[in-house]
Amino acid sequence: MLNLQCLQRGVKILFFTFLLIITNYSVFAQKQKTINLPDYDEAWLHYGFIIAGHTSTYRLNYNDAFVGDIENTAINPTNNVGFTLGFLLNLRVSQFLDLRVTPQVSFYENNLDFIFRSAQDNRREVVERTTVEVPILLKYKSVRRGNHRMYVVGGIKPAIDATRREEEGVGDQNRLLLNNTNLSLDYGVGVDIYYPLFKFSPEIRFSHGLIDVLIPNDFSTNFSRLTTHSITLYLNFE
């Protein structure tokens, strides 16, 4: 079981570390004239690892059957935090374009607040997922200026829930059931910072689910679609 307070503390530490590094680097870059790793981007292949913190939620769409029926149930998804660990494989395509593949494991915890119109037994369901993801991204880089360069990144992210089987809970008609596979559109921005021994790349990336992950059952008749959405701070080390 994931501990929410520990996850929130971990994400706050990641964001604080990100701001501290960027602030220190800006001061250092004004004084430092040495070009670190001058031939780094000429190599066609690079490896690395990633550490990331994210906030995620579900987007739930209602259908026409929901309107006007006092017996129907409303569901309010709320944001929650988690973290990601993974590896990085970067292939040089051209001077300003890379192909990046980052196999990773992400830990999610999402809250669903169930609001019953005709009863007082409102409840909260916590959905915990450990997801294996393989983002496939194109990275477009700016001209390198000193020891840093900006970039934008975008692509798709196939994912599979490693903690649940697709048939699990199919007979349960009193809760939302979700597919264990997903596909998302990912895009974001970042900065490459060149140090004497490695390259560090903090990156903000947005992810929007492209497919409906809702499994139809008696409980989901009022809902037409459920997709995933997240914002992630990546700390890439190469």
Protein backbone atom coordinates (compact mmCIF):
# COMPACT_ATOMS: atom_id res chain seq x y z
CA MET A 1 0.00 0.00 0.00
CA LEU A 2 1.28 3.43 -0.92
CA ASN A 3 1.50 5.99 1.87
CA LEU A 4 -0.01 9.26 0.63
CA GLN A 5 1.85 11.48 3.06
CA CYS A 6 5.19 9.90 2.11
CA LEU A 7 4.41 10.38 -1.59
CA GLN A 8 3.47 14.02 -1.08
CA ARG A 9 6.66 14.60 0.89
CA GLY A 10 8.72 12.94 -1.84
CA VAL A 11 7.19 15.05 -4.61
CA LYS A 12 7.77 18.24 -2.61
CA ILE A 13 11.41 17.25 -2.15
CA LEU A 14 11.76 16.68 -5.92
CA PHE A 15 10.30 20.09 -6.76
CA PHE A 16 12.46 21.78 -4.13
CA THR A 17 15.54 20.02 -5.50
CA PHE A 18 14.61 21.10 -9.03
CA LEU A 19 14.29 24.76 -8.01
CA LEU A 20 17.50 24.64 -5.98
CA ILE A 21 19.51 23.13 -8.82
CA ILE A 22 18.19 25.59 -11.40
CA THR A 23 18.89 28.55 -9.09
CA ASN A 24 22.42 27.39 -8.29
CA TYR A 25 23.12 26.64 -11.93
CA SER A 26 21.99 30.11 -13.05
CA VAL A 27 24.40 31.74 -10.59
CA PHE A 28 27.20 29.35 -11.51
CA ALA A 29 26.67 29.78 -15.28
CA GLN A 30 27.25 33.51 -15.01
CA LYS A 31 30.73 32.88 -13.61
CA GLN A 32 31.70 29.70 -15.46
CA LYS A 33 33.23 30.03 -18.95
CA THR A 34 34.47 26.44 -19.37
CA ILE A 35 32.52 24.33 -21.90
CA ASN A 36 31.71 20.96 -20.31
CA LEU A 37 31.45 17.81 -22.45
CA PRO A 38 31.97 19.70 -25.74
CA ASP A 39 31.56 16.59 -27.96
CA TYR A 40 28.80 14.96 -25.95
CA ASP A 41 26.01 15.42 -28.52
CA GLU A 42 28.09 13.96 -31.37
CA ALA A 43 27.67 10.41 -30.02
CA TRP A 44 24.75 8.53 -31.58
CA LEU A 45 23.68 6.70 -28.40
CA HIS A 46 23.35 7.72 -24.74
CA TYR A 47 22.08 5.92 -21.65
CA GLY A 48 20.79 7.27 -18.38
CA PHE A 49 18.22 7.00 -15.63
CA ILE A 50 15.22 9.05 -14.52
CA ILE A 51 13.58 9.99 -11.23
CA ALA A 52 10.21 11.73 -11.36
CA GLY A 53 7.29 12.95 -9.27
CA HIS A 54 3.81 13.43 -10.66
CA THR A 55 0.30 14.55 -9.85
CA SER A 56 -2.47 12.64 -11.62
CA THR A 57 -6.24 12.43 -11.87
CA TYR A 58 -9.03 10.83 -13.86
CA ARG A 59 -11.32 12.72 -16.25
CA LEU A 60 -14.80 11.24 -16.14
CA ASN A 61 -17.50 12.10 -18.69
CA TYR A 62 -21.20 11.65 -17.91
CA ASN A 63 -23.81 10.59 -20.49
CA ASP A 64 -27.41 11.72 -21.00
CA ALA A 65 -28.78 8.98 -18.71
CA PHE A 66 -27.26 10.75 -15.70
CA VAL A 67 -29.42 13.89 -16.04
CA GLY A 68 -32.75 13.99 -14.17
CA ASP A 69 -32.47 10.69 -12.28
CA ILE A 70 -32.20 11.24 -8.50
CA GLU A 71 -30.98 7.67 -8.02
CA ASN A 72 -27.83 8.24 -10.03
CA THR A 73 -24.39 8.51 -8.45
CA ALA A 74 -21.93 11.33 -9.07
CA ILE A 75 -18.20 10.66 -8.90
CA ASN A 76 -15.63 13.36 -8.24
CA PRO A 77 -12.03 12.38 -9.15
CA THR A 78 -9.35 14.29 -7.21
CA ASN A 79 -5.65 14.93 -7.85
CA ASN A 80 -3.08 12.81 -6.09
CA VAL A 81 0.70 12.42 -6.16
CA GLY A 82 3.07 9.57 -6.99
CA PHE A 83 6.54 8.88 -8.33
CA THR A 84 8.34 7.24 -11.25
CA LEU A 85 11.66 5.41 -11.67
CA GLY A 86 13.15 4.31 -14.98
CA PHE A 87 15.91 4.14 -17.56
CA LEU A 88 16.65 6.35 -20.54
CA LEU A 89 17.82 5.44 -24.03
CA ASN A 90 18.57 8.38 -26.35
CA LEU A 91 19.31 7.96 -30.09
CA ARG A 92 20.71 10.86 -32.11
CA VAL A 93 18.70 11.33 -35.33
CA SER A 94 20.14 14.65 -36.47
CA GLN A 95 21.85 17.73 -35.05
CA PHE A 96 18.69 18.98 -33.40
CA LEU A 97 16.50 15.87 -33.19
CA ASP A 98 16.71 12.79 -30.92
CA LEU A 99 14.57 9.69 -30.48
CA ARG A 100 14.10 8.89 -26.80
CA VAL A 101 12.73 5.70 -25.19
CA THR A 102 12.32 5.62 -21.40
CA PRO A 103 11.08 2.31 -19.91
CA GLN A 104 9.78 3.17 -16.45
CA VAL A 105 7.67 2.04 -13.52
CA SER A 106 5.15 4.54 -12.13
CA PHE A 107 3.27 4.37 -8.84
CA TYR A 108 -0.17 6.02 -8.89
CA GLU A 109 -2.79 6.60 -6.20
CA ASN A 110 -6.08 8.17 -7.32
CA ASN A 111 -9.13 9.12 -5.26
CA LEU A 112 -12.72 8.72 -6.45
CA ASP A 113 -15.33 10.44 -4.26
CA PHE A 114 -18.74 8.77 -4.70
CA ILE A 115 -21.68 11.13 -4.06
CA PHE A 116 -25.10 9.46 -3.82
CA ARG A 117 -28.03 11.79 -4.51
CA SER A 118 -30.61 9.85 -2.54
CA ALA A 119 -28.48 8.52 0.33
CA GLN A 120 -26.05 9.64 3.00
CA ASP A 121 -23.48 6.88 2.53
CA ASN A 122 -21.04 8.86 0.41
CA ARG A 123 -17.67 7.15 0.20
CA ARG A 124 -14.17 7.48 -1.20
CA GLU A 125 -12.47 4.77 -3.23
CA VAL A 126 -8.67 4.79 -3.51
CA VAL A 127 -7.35 3.29 -6.75
CA GLU A 128 -3.71 2.21 -6.48
CA ARG A 129 -1.76 1.23 -9.58
CA THR A 130 1.79 0.17 -10.33
CA THR A 131 2.18 0.78 -14.05
CA VAL A 132 4.88 -0.30 -16.50
CA GLU A 133 5.22 2.45 -19.12
CA VAL A 134 7.35 2.85 -22.25
CA PRO A 135 7.23 6.46 -23.51
CA ILE A 136 8.46 6.82 -27.11
CA LEU A 137 9.36 10.46 -27.67
CA LEU A 138 10.91 12.86 -30.16
CA LYS A 139 13.18 15.50 -28.63
CA TYR A 140 13.76 18.71 -30.57
CA LYS A 141 16.74 20.71 -29.24
CA SER A 142 17.76 24.33 -29.57
CA VAL A 143 21.29 25.50 -30.36
CA ARG A 144 23.61 24.83 -27.45
CA ARG A 145 24.63 27.99 -25.61
CA GLY A 146 27.52 27.44 -23.23
CA ASN A 147 26.62 24.56 -20.94
CA HIS A 148 22.90 24.44 -21.55
CA ARG A 149 20.26 24.14 -24.24
CA MET A 150 16.46 24.14 -24.23
CA TYR A 151 14.31 21.43 -25.80
CA VAL A 152 10.73 20.32 -26.38
CA VAL A 153 9.63 16.70 -26.31
CA GLY A 154 6.53 14.85 -27.45
CA GLY A 155 5.24 11.38 -28.28
CA ILE A 156 3.11 8.50 -27.02
CA LYS A 157 3.19 6.46 -23.82
CA PRO A 158 1.86 2.87 -23.86
CA ALA A 159 1.21 1.53 -20.36
CA ILE A 160 0.08 -1.65 -18.62
CA ASP A 161 -1.07 -2.01 -15.02
CA ALA A 162 1.22 -4.62 -13.46
CA THR A 163 -0.83 -4.98 -10.27
CA ARG A 164 -4.19 -5.94 -11.72
CA ARG A 165 -5.51 -8.55 -14.08
CA GLU A 166 -8.06 -7.43 -16.65
CA GLU A 167 -10.62 -9.96 -15.47
CA GLU A 168 -10.22 -8.96 -11.81
CA GLY A 169 -13.47 -7.68 -10.32
CA VAL A 170 -15.52 -8.13 -13.52
CA GLY A 171 -18.37 -9.53 -11.44
CA ASP A 172 -18.34 -6.57 -9.06
CA GLN A 173 -21.20 -4.28 -10.10
CA ASN A 174 -20.76 -1.76 -7.24
CA ARG A 175 -17.56 -0.05 -8.36
CA LEU A 176 -15.88 1.37 -11.45
CA LEU A 177 -13.76 -1.15 -13.33
CA LEU A 178 -10.75 -0.04 -15.37
CA ASN A 179 -8.76 -1.68 -18.15
CA ASN A 180 -5.19 -2.61 -17.32
CA THR A 181 -3.83 -1.08 -20.55
CA ASN A 182 -3.64 2.56 -21.58
CA LEU A 183 -2.18 4.87 -24.22
CA SER A 184 -1.35 8.55 -23.59
CA LEU A 185 -0.14 11.58 -25.51
CA ASP A 186 2.92 13.11 -23.78
CA TYR A 187 4.51 16.52 -24.40
CA GLY A 188 6.67 18.92 -22.44
CA VAL A 189 9.71 21.18 -22.18
CA GLY A 190 13.09 20.87 -20.50
CA VAL A 191 16.66 22.10 -20.35
CA ASP A 192 19.91 20.17 -20.84
CA ILE A 193 22.58 21.21 -18.34
CA TYR A 194 26.12 19.98 -19.08
CA TYR A 195 28.36 19.21 -16.10
CA PRO A 196 31.97 17.98 -16.31
CA LEU A 197 31.00 14.29 -15.85
CA PHE A 198 27.33 14.03 -16.86
CA LYS A 199 24.32 15.81 -18.34
CA PHE A 200 21.34 16.70 -16.16
CA SER A 201 17.95 17.49 -17.73
CA PRO A 202 15.01 18.68 -15.61
CA GLU A 203 11.78 18.42 -17.60
CA ILE A 204 8.08 19.18 -17.15
CA ARG A 205 5.82 16.85 -19.11
CA PHE A 206 2.03 16.69 -19.54
CA SER A 207 0.21 13.43 -20.25
CA HIS A 208 -3.34 13.02 -21.60
CA GLY A 209 -4.99 9.62 -21.99
CA LEU A 210 -6.11 8.89 -25.55
CA ILE A 211 -8.32 5.86 -24.93
CA ASP A 212 -11.29 5.12 -22.70
CA VAL A 213 -10.16 2.81 -19.86
CA LEU A 214 -13.64 2.29 -18.38
CA ILE A 215 -15.01 -1.27 -18.40
CA PRO A 216 -18.83 -1.19 -18.79
CA ASN A 217 -20.87 -2.69 -15.96
CA ASP A 218 -24.14 -1.90 -14.15
CA PHE A 219 -22.44 0.76 -12.03
CA SER A 220 -20.97 2.67 -15.00
CA THR A 221 -24.14 3.09 -17.06
CA ASN A 222 -24.16 6.85 -16.35
CA PHE A 223 -20.62 7.39 -17.60
CA SER A 224 -19.49 7.46 -21.20
CA ARG A 225 -15.71 7.76 -20.88
CA LEU A 226 -12.84 7.78 -18.36
CA THR A 227 -9.32 8.93 -19.25
CA THR A 228 -6.12 9.56 -17.30
CA HIS A 229 -4.24 12.86 -16.99
CA SER A 230 -1.01 13.77 -15.23
CA ILE A 231 1.72 16.40 -14.86
CA THR A 232 5.21 15.07 -14.17
CA LEU A 233 8.53 16.61 -13.16
CA TYR A 234 11.32 14.44 -14.63
CA LEU A 235 14.93 14.58 -13.46
CA ASN A 236 16.96 12.96 -16.25
CA PHE A 237 20.59 11.95 -15.74
CA GLU A 238 22.77 10.89 -18.72
